[in-house]
Amino acid sequence: MSGWDVAGIIIAVFWAILVCFLAYTLVHLSKVLKETETLVASVTEQTVPLLSELTHTIGQTNAQLSKVDTITSNIASVSTNVSALTSTFTNTVGAPLVKVASLAYGLRSAAKLRRRSEAEKQVRETMKAGRASRRSAR
């Protein structure tokens, strides 16, 4: 046997090992692909009913949203009516109420001034009487 023959045998052995390794890898790869196929099939089986339920739920949600839109528009209408009523009430009752409040304030101020002037008058009379009695006592 020559060196070339030994080298050929070594290359053939490595080549056989490489082929066995590739065959082993392909077998495992085929198992992985089968599991992936099973997984995709089960996901598809579960997704179709889920999408059907989702479509039904979205339909119900849209129906409820249309009801909410109706309620919202009614609330906006009520809000406008309450605003108009408040404005009318303010214009109808507010102006006379302000006038009554002004009159009450004026009457209180006048009464206070009158009481003050009466008290000052009494003080003046008392002081005048005191001075007169001091003069007469001299």
N, C-alpha and C. Protein backbone atom coordinates (compact mmCIF):
# COMPACT_ATOMS: atom_id res chain seq x y z
N MET A 1 0.81 -1.16 0.00
CA MET A 1 0.00 0.00 0.00
C MET A 1 0.86 1.24 0.00
N SER A 2 0.42 2.10 -0.82
CA SER A 2 1.18 3.33 -0.95
C SER A 2 0.51 4.43 -0.12
N GLY A 3 1.15 5.56 -0.09
CA GLY A 3 0.64 6.72 0.66
C GLY A 3 -0.66 7.22 0.08
N TRP A 4 -0.75 7.05 -1.25
CA TRP A 4 -1.99 7.52 -1.90
C TRP A 4 -3.17 6.62 -1.55
N ASP A 5 -2.93 5.40 -1.39
CA ASP A 5 -4.00 4.47 -1.02
C ASP A 5 -4.50 4.75 0.40
N VAL A 6 -3.57 4.99 1.32
CA VAL A 6 -3.94 5.30 2.72
C VAL A 6 -4.74 6.60 2.76
N ALA A 7 -4.28 7.57 2.00
CA ALA A 7 -4.97 8.86 1.97
C ALA A 7 -6.37 8.69 1.40
N GLY A 8 -6.53 7.86 0.40
CA GLY A 8 -7.84 7.59 -0.19
C GLY A 8 -8.76 6.93 0.81
N ILE A 9 -8.22 5.97 1.61
CA ILE A 9 -9.03 5.28 2.61
C ILE A 9 -9.46 6.27 3.71
N ILE A 10 -8.54 7.13 4.13
CA ILE A 10 -8.87 8.12 5.17
C ILE A 10 -9.96 9.07 4.67
N ILE A 11 -9.83 9.50 3.41
CA ILE A 11 -10.84 10.40 2.84
C ILE A 11 -12.19 9.68 2.72
N ALA A 12 -12.16 8.40 2.36
CA ALA A 12 -13.40 7.63 2.25
C ALA A 12 -14.06 7.47 3.61
N VAL A 13 -13.26 7.24 4.67
CA VAL A 13 -13.79 7.09 6.02
C VAL A 13 -14.41 8.41 6.48
N PHE A 14 -13.70 9.52 6.29
CA PHE A 14 -14.25 10.83 6.65
C PHE A 14 -15.52 11.13 5.86
N TRP A 15 -15.50 10.75 4.60
CA TRP A 15 -16.68 10.98 3.76
C TRP A 15 -17.86 10.15 4.27
N ALA A 16 -17.63 8.94 4.71
CA ALA A 16 -18.69 8.07 5.26
C ALA A 16 -19.22 8.65 6.56
N ILE A 17 -18.30 9.17 7.41
CA ILE A 17 -18.72 9.80 8.67
C ILE A 17 -19.57 11.04 8.38
N LEU A 18 -19.14 11.82 7.41
CA LEU A 18 -19.88 13.02 7.03
C LEU A 18 -21.27 12.66 6.51
N VAL A 19 -21.36 11.64 5.70
CA VAL A 19 -22.65 11.21 5.16
C VAL A 19 -23.55 10.72 6.30
N CYS A 20 -22.99 9.95 7.26
CA CYS A 20 -23.78 9.48 8.41
C CYS A 20 -24.28 10.66 9.25
N PHE A 21 -23.40 11.63 9.46
CA PHE A 21 -23.77 12.82 10.23
C PHE A 21 -24.89 13.58 9.52
N LEU A 22 -24.75 13.77 8.21
CA LEU A 22 -25.79 14.46 7.45
C LEU A 22 -27.10 13.68 7.46
N ALA A 23 -27.03 12.36 7.38
CA ALA A 23 -28.24 11.54 7.42
C ALA A 23 -28.93 11.68 8.79
N TYR A 24 -28.14 11.64 9.86
CA TYR A 24 -28.66 11.81 11.22
C TYR A 24 -29.33 13.18 11.36
N THR A 25 -28.67 14.22 10.86
CA THR A 25 -29.21 15.58 10.92
C THR A 25 -30.50 15.68 10.12
N LEU A 26 -30.56 15.07 8.96
CA LEU A 26 -31.77 15.11 8.14
C LEU A 26 -32.93 14.38 8.81
N VAL A 27 -32.63 13.28 9.51
CA VAL A 27 -33.67 12.55 10.23
C VAL A 27 -34.27 13.44 11.33
N HIS A 28 -33.41 14.08 12.08
CA HIS A 28 -33.89 14.97 13.14
C HIS A 28 -34.62 16.18 12.56
N LEU A 29 -34.12 16.67 11.44
CA LEU A 29 -34.78 17.80 10.78
C LEU A 29 -36.17 17.40 10.30
N SER A 30 -36.32 16.20 9.83
CA SER A 30 -37.63 15.73 9.39
C SER A 30 -38.59 15.61 10.58
N LYS A 31 -38.09 15.19 11.74
CA LYS A 31 -38.92 15.13 12.94
C LYS A 31 -39.37 16.54 13.35
N VAL A 32 -38.44 17.47 13.29
CA VAL A 32 -38.77 18.86 13.64
C VAL A 32 -39.83 19.40 12.68
N LEU A 33 -39.69 19.11 11.41
CA LEU A 33 -40.66 19.58 10.42
C LEU A 33 -42.04 18.94 10.65
N LYS A 34 -42.08 17.68 11.05
CA LYS A 34 -43.35 17.02 11.34
C LYS A 34 -44.01 17.67 12.56
N GLU A 35 -43.23 17.95 13.59
CA GLU A 35 -43.77 18.62 14.78
C GLU A 35 -44.27 20.02 14.42
N THR A 36 -43.54 20.71 13.58
CA THR A 36 -43.96 22.05 13.14
C THR A 36 -45.26 21.97 12.37
N GLU A 37 -45.38 20.96 11.51
CA GLU A 37 -46.61 20.78 10.75
C GLU A 37 -47.79 20.50 11.68
N THR A 38 -47.56 19.66 12.71
CA THR A 38 -48.60 19.36 13.69
C THR A 38 -49.00 20.62 14.46
N LEU A 39 -48.01 21.40 14.84
CA LEU A 39 -48.27 22.64 15.57
C LEU A 39 -49.07 23.62 14.73
N VAL A 40 -48.69 23.79 13.48
CA VAL A 40 -49.41 24.70 12.59
C VAL A 40 -50.85 24.22 12.38
N ALA A 41 -51.03 22.92 12.25
CA ALA A 41 -52.38 22.38 12.07
C ALA A 41 -53.24 22.64 13.31
N SER A 42 -52.69 22.43 14.50
CA SER A 42 -53.46 22.67 15.73
C SER A 42 -53.75 24.15 15.92
N VAL A 43 -52.80 25.00 15.57
CA VAL A 43 -53.04 26.45 15.66
C VAL A 43 -54.14 26.86 14.70
N THR A 44 -54.14 26.30 13.52
CA THR A 44 -55.18 26.60 12.53
C THR A 44 -56.53 26.13 13.03
N GLU A 45 -56.59 24.93 13.63
CA GLU A 45 -57.84 24.41 14.16
C GLU A 45 -58.40 25.31 15.27
N GLN A 46 -57.52 25.88 16.08
CA GLN A 46 -57.97 26.73 17.19
C GLN A 46 -58.25 28.15 16.73
N THR A 47 -57.59 28.61 15.69
CA THR A 47 -57.72 29.99 15.24
C THR A 47 -59.03 30.22 14.52
N VAL A 48 -59.49 29.26 13.75
CA VAL A 48 -60.72 29.45 12.97
C VAL A 48 -61.92 29.69 13.88
N PRO A 49 -62.17 28.89 14.93
CA PRO A 49 -63.29 29.21 15.83
C PRO A 49 -63.08 30.53 16.57
N LEU A 50 -61.83 30.80 16.91
CA LEU A 50 -61.52 32.04 17.61
C LEU A 50 -61.86 33.25 16.74
N LEU A 51 -61.52 33.18 15.47
CA LEU A 51 -61.84 34.27 14.56
C LEU A 51 -63.35 34.42 14.39
N SER A 52 -64.05 33.30 14.39
CA SER A 52 -65.51 33.35 14.29
C SER A 52 -66.09 34.04 15.53
N GLU A 53 -65.62 33.68 16.70
CA GLU A 53 -66.08 34.33 17.93
C GLU A 53 -65.71 35.81 17.94
N LEU A 54 -64.54 36.12 17.46
CA LEU A 54 -64.09 37.51 17.40
C LEU A 54 -64.98 38.33 16.48
N THR A 55 -65.37 37.77 15.37
CA THR A 55 -66.26 38.46 14.44
C THR A 55 -67.61 38.72 15.11
N HIS A 56 -68.12 37.72 15.83
CA HIS A 56 -69.39 37.87 16.54
C HIS A 56 -69.27 38.96 17.62
N THR A 57 -68.18 38.94 18.36
CA THR A 57 -67.97 39.93 19.42
C THR A 57 -67.87 41.34 18.85
N ILE A 58 -67.16 41.47 17.75
CA ILE A 58 -67.03 42.80 17.12
C ILE A 58 -68.39 43.30 16.65
N GLY A 59 -69.21 42.40 16.13
CA GLY A 59 -70.56 42.80 15.71
C GLY A 59 -71.38 43.30 16.89
N GLN A 60 -71.31 42.58 18.02
CA GLN A 60 -72.03 43.02 19.22
C GLN A 60 -71.49 44.34 19.74
N THR A 61 -70.18 44.50 19.68
CA THR A 61 -69.56 45.75 20.14
C THR A 61 -70.02 46.92 19.28
N ASN A 62 -70.09 46.73 17.99
CA ASN A 62 -70.57 47.79 17.11
C ASN A 62 -72.02 48.15 17.42
N ALA A 63 -72.84 47.15 17.71
CA ALA A 63 -74.23 47.43 18.07
C ALA A 63 -74.30 48.25 19.36
N GLN A 64 -73.49 47.87 20.35
CA GLN A 64 -73.47 48.62 21.61
C GLN A 64 -72.94 50.04 21.40
N LEU A 65 -71.95 50.18 20.55
CA LEU A 65 -71.41 51.52 20.27
C LEU A 65 -72.44 52.40 19.59
N SER A 66 -73.26 51.83 18.73
CA SER A 66 -74.30 52.64 18.11
C SER A 66 -75.31 53.09 19.17
N LYS A 67 -75.61 52.22 20.15
CA LYS A 67 -76.49 52.63 21.25
C LYS A 67 -75.85 53.74 22.08
N VAL A 68 -74.56 53.60 22.33
CA VAL A 68 -73.85 54.63 23.09
C VAL A 68 -73.84 55.95 22.32
N ASP A 69 -73.70 55.90 21.00
CA ASP A 69 -73.76 57.12 20.20
C ASP A 69 -75.12 57.79 20.34
N THR A 70 -76.18 56.99 20.34
CA THR A 70 -77.52 57.54 20.51
C THR A 70 -77.65 58.20 21.89
N ILE A 71 -77.17 57.51 22.91
CA ILE A 71 -77.23 58.05 24.27
C ILE A 71 -76.43 59.34 24.36
N THR A 72 -75.25 59.36 23.75
CA THR A 72 -74.41 60.54 23.79
C THR A 72 -75.08 61.72 23.10
N SER A 73 -75.71 61.48 21.96
CA SER A 73 -76.39 62.58 21.28
C SER A 73 -77.56 63.08 22.11
N ASN A 74 -78.29 62.16 22.78
CA ASN A 74 -79.38 62.58 23.65
C ASN A 74 -78.87 63.40 24.83
N ILE A 75 -77.74 62.98 25.39
CA ILE A 75 -77.16 63.74 26.51
C ILE A 75 -76.73 65.12 26.04
N ALA A 76 -76.19 65.21 24.85
CA ALA A 76 -75.81 66.52 24.31
C ALA A 76 -77.04 67.40 24.15
N SER A 77 -78.13 66.83 23.69
CA SER A 77 -79.37 67.58 23.55
C SER A 77 -79.89 68.05 24.91
N VAL A 78 -79.86 67.15 25.90
CA VAL A 78 -80.30 67.52 27.25
C VAL A 78 -79.40 68.62 27.81
N SER A 79 -78.12 68.51 27.58
CA SER A 79 -77.19 69.51 28.06
C SER A 79 -77.49 70.88 27.45
N THR A 80 -77.80 70.89 26.17
CA THR A 80 -78.16 72.15 25.51
C THR A 80 -79.45 72.71 26.10
N ASN A 81 -80.43 71.84 26.35
CA ASN A 81 -81.70 72.29 26.93
C ASN A 81 -81.51 72.83 28.35
N VAL A 82 -80.68 72.16 29.14
CA VAL A 82 -80.41 72.63 30.50
C VAL A 82 -79.70 73.97 30.46
N SER A 83 -78.79 74.13 29.53
CA SER A 83 -78.09 75.41 29.39
C SER A 83 -79.06 76.53 29.03
N ALA A 84 -79.96 76.24 28.11
CA ALA A 84 -80.96 77.25 27.73
C ALA A 84 -81.88 77.55 28.91
N LEU A 85 -82.29 76.53 29.65
CA LEU A 85 -83.16 76.72 30.81
C LEU A 85 -82.46 77.54 31.88
N THR A 86 -81.20 77.25 32.11
CA THR A 86 -80.42 78.00 33.09
C THR A 86 -80.31 79.46 32.68
N SER A 87 -80.05 79.69 31.41
CA SER A 87 -79.95 81.06 30.92
C SER A 87 -81.28 81.79 31.09
N THR A 88 -82.37 81.12 30.75
CA THR A 88 -83.70 81.73 30.91
C THR A 88 -83.99 82.02 32.37
N PHE A 89 -83.70 81.06 33.25
CA PHE A 89 -83.93 81.24 34.68
C PHE A 89 -83.09 82.40 35.22
N THR A 90 -81.85 82.47 34.79
CA THR A 90 -80.97 83.55 35.23
C THR A 90 -81.51 84.89 34.78
N ASN A 91 -81.94 84.97 33.55
CA ASN A 91 -82.47 86.24 33.04
C ASN A 91 -83.79 86.60 33.71
N THR A 92 -84.61 85.60 34.00
CA THR A 92 -85.93 85.86 34.58
C THR A 92 -85.85 86.17 36.07
N VAL A 93 -85.13 85.37 36.81
CA VAL A 93 -85.08 85.51 38.27
C VAL A 93 -83.85 86.27 38.71
N GLY A 94 -82.79 86.17 37.96
CA GLY A 94 -81.51 86.75 38.38
C GLY A 94 -81.55 88.25 38.51
N ALA A 95 -82.09 88.94 37.52
CA ALA A 95 -82.11 90.41 37.55
C ALA A 95 -82.93 90.92 38.74
N PRO A 96 -84.16 90.44 38.95
CA PRO A 96 -84.90 90.90 40.14
C PRO A 96 -84.21 90.52 41.44
N LEU A 97 -83.57 89.38 41.47
CA LEU A 97 -82.87 88.95 42.68
C LEU A 97 -81.70 89.89 42.98
N VAL A 98 -81.00 90.32 41.95
CA VAL A 98 -79.91 91.28 42.14
C VAL A 98 -80.47 92.60 42.66
N LYS A 99 -81.60 93.00 42.13
CA LYS A 99 -82.22 94.25 42.59
C LYS A 99 -82.63 94.15 44.05
N VAL A 100 -83.22 93.01 44.44
CA VAL A 100 -83.61 92.81 45.84
C VAL A 100 -82.38 92.82 46.74
N ALA A 101 -81.32 92.17 46.30
CA ALA A 101 -80.08 92.14 47.09
C ALA A 101 -79.52 93.54 47.24
N SER A 102 -79.57 94.32 46.18
CA SER A 102 -79.08 95.70 46.24
C SER A 102 -79.93 96.52 47.20
N LEU A 103 -81.24 96.35 47.14
CA LEU A 103 -82.14 97.08 48.03
C LEU A 103 -81.87 96.70 49.48
N ALA A 104 -81.68 95.40 49.75
CA ALA A 104 -81.40 94.95 51.12
C ALA A 104 -80.09 95.54 51.61
N TYR A 105 -79.09 95.59 50.76
CA TYR A 105 -77.82 96.18 51.16
C TYR A 105 -77.99 97.66 51.46
N GLY A 106 -78.74 98.35 50.61
CA GLY A 106 -78.97 99.78 50.85
C GLY A 106 -79.72 100.03 52.14
N LEU A 107 -80.73 99.21 52.43
CA LEU A 107 -81.49 99.37 53.67
C LEU A 107 -80.62 99.09 54.89
N ARG A 108 -79.79 98.06 54.80
CA ARG A 108 -78.88 97.78 55.92
C ARG A 108 -77.92 98.93 56.16
N SER A 109 -77.37 99.46 55.06
CA SER A 109 -76.43 100.58 55.19
C SER A 109 -77.12 101.80 55.80
N ALA A 110 -78.34 102.07 55.33
CA ALA A 110 -79.08 103.21 55.88
C ALA A 110 -79.39 103.00 57.35
N ALA A 111 -79.82 101.81 57.73
CA ALA A 111 -80.13 101.53 59.13
C ALA A 111 -78.88 101.67 59.99
N LYS A 112 -77.77 101.20 59.49
CA LYS A 112 -76.51 101.31 60.23
C LYS A 112 -76.13 102.77 60.44
N LEU A 113 -76.27 103.56 59.37
CA LEU A 113 -75.95 105.00 59.49
C LEU A 113 -76.90 105.68 60.48
N ARG A 114 -78.16 105.30 60.45
CA ARG A 114 -79.13 105.92 61.35
C ARG A 114 -78.81 105.56 62.79
N ARG A 115 -78.50 104.29 63.04
CA ARG A 115 -78.15 103.90 64.41
C ARG A 115 -76.90 104.63 64.87
N ARG A 116 -75.94 104.75 63.95
CA ARG A 116 -74.70 105.44 64.30
C ARG A 116 -74.99 106.90 64.63
N SER A 117 -75.81 107.55 63.81
CA SER A 117 -76.10 108.98 64.04
C SER A 117 -76.88 109.16 65.35
N GLU A 118 -77.79 108.21 65.67
CA GLU A 118 -78.52 108.29 66.93
C GLU A 118 -77.56 108.12 68.10
N ALA A 119 -76.63 107.18 67.97
CA ALA A 119 -75.65 106.97 69.05
C ALA A 119 -74.76 108.20 69.19
N GLU A 120 -74.34 108.77 68.09
CA GLU A 120 -73.50 109.97 68.16
C GLU A 120 -74.30 111.13 68.78
N LYS A 121 -75.60 111.23 68.46
CA LYS A 121 -76.44 112.29 69.02
C LYS A 121 -76.55 112.12 70.52
N GLN A 122 -76.72 110.88 70.99
CA GLN A 122 -76.81 110.63 72.43
C GLN A 122 -75.50 110.98 73.11
N VAL A 123 -74.37 110.61 72.45
CA VAL A 123 -73.05 110.93 73.03
C VAL A 123 -72.89 112.44 73.11
N ARG A 124 -73.26 113.16 72.07
CA ARG A 124 -73.15 114.62 72.06
C ARG A 124 -74.00 115.23 73.17
N GLU A 125 -75.23 114.74 73.32
CA GLU A 125 -76.12 115.28 74.34
C GLU A 125 -75.56 115.00 75.72
N THR A 126 -75.00 113.81 75.93
CA THR A 126 -74.41 113.47 77.22
C THR A 126 -73.22 114.38 77.51
N MET A 127 -72.39 114.60 76.50
CA MET A 127 -71.21 115.46 76.69
C MET A 127 -71.65 116.90 76.95
N LYS A 128 -72.68 117.35 76.25
CA LYS A 128 -73.20 118.70 76.41
C LYS A 128 -73.76 118.87 77.83
N ALA A 129 -74.50 117.85 78.29
CA ALA A 129 -75.06 117.90 79.63
C ALA A 129 -73.95 117.90 80.67
N GLY A 130 -72.90 117.11 80.41
CA GLY A 130 -71.78 117.06 81.34
C GLY A 130 -71.07 118.39 81.41
N ARG A 131 -70.87 119.02 80.27
CA ARG A 131 -70.22 120.35 80.25
C ARG A 131 -71.11 121.37 80.96
N ALA A 132 -72.42 121.30 80.69
CA ALA A 132 -73.33 122.26 81.30
C ALA A 132 -73.33 122.09 82.82
N SER A 133 -73.29 120.87 83.30
CA SER A 133 -73.30 120.64 84.74
C SER A 133 -71.97 121.10 85.36
N ARG A 134 -70.89 120.97 84.62
CA ARG A 134 -69.58 121.44 85.13
C ARG A 134 -69.57 122.96 85.18
N ARG A 135 -70.17 123.60 84.21
CA ARG A 135 -70.22 125.06 84.18
C ARG A 135 -71.08 125.57 85.34
N SER A 136 -72.16 124.91 85.52
CA SER A 136 -73.05 125.36 86.61
C SER A 136 -72.42 125.07 87.97
N ALA A 137 -71.58 124.09 88.06
CA ALA A 137 -70.94 123.76 89.33
C ALA A 137 -69.81 124.75 89.62
N ARG A 138 -69.33 125.51 88.72
CA ARG A 138 -68.21 126.42 88.95
C ARG A 138 -68.62 127.63 89.59
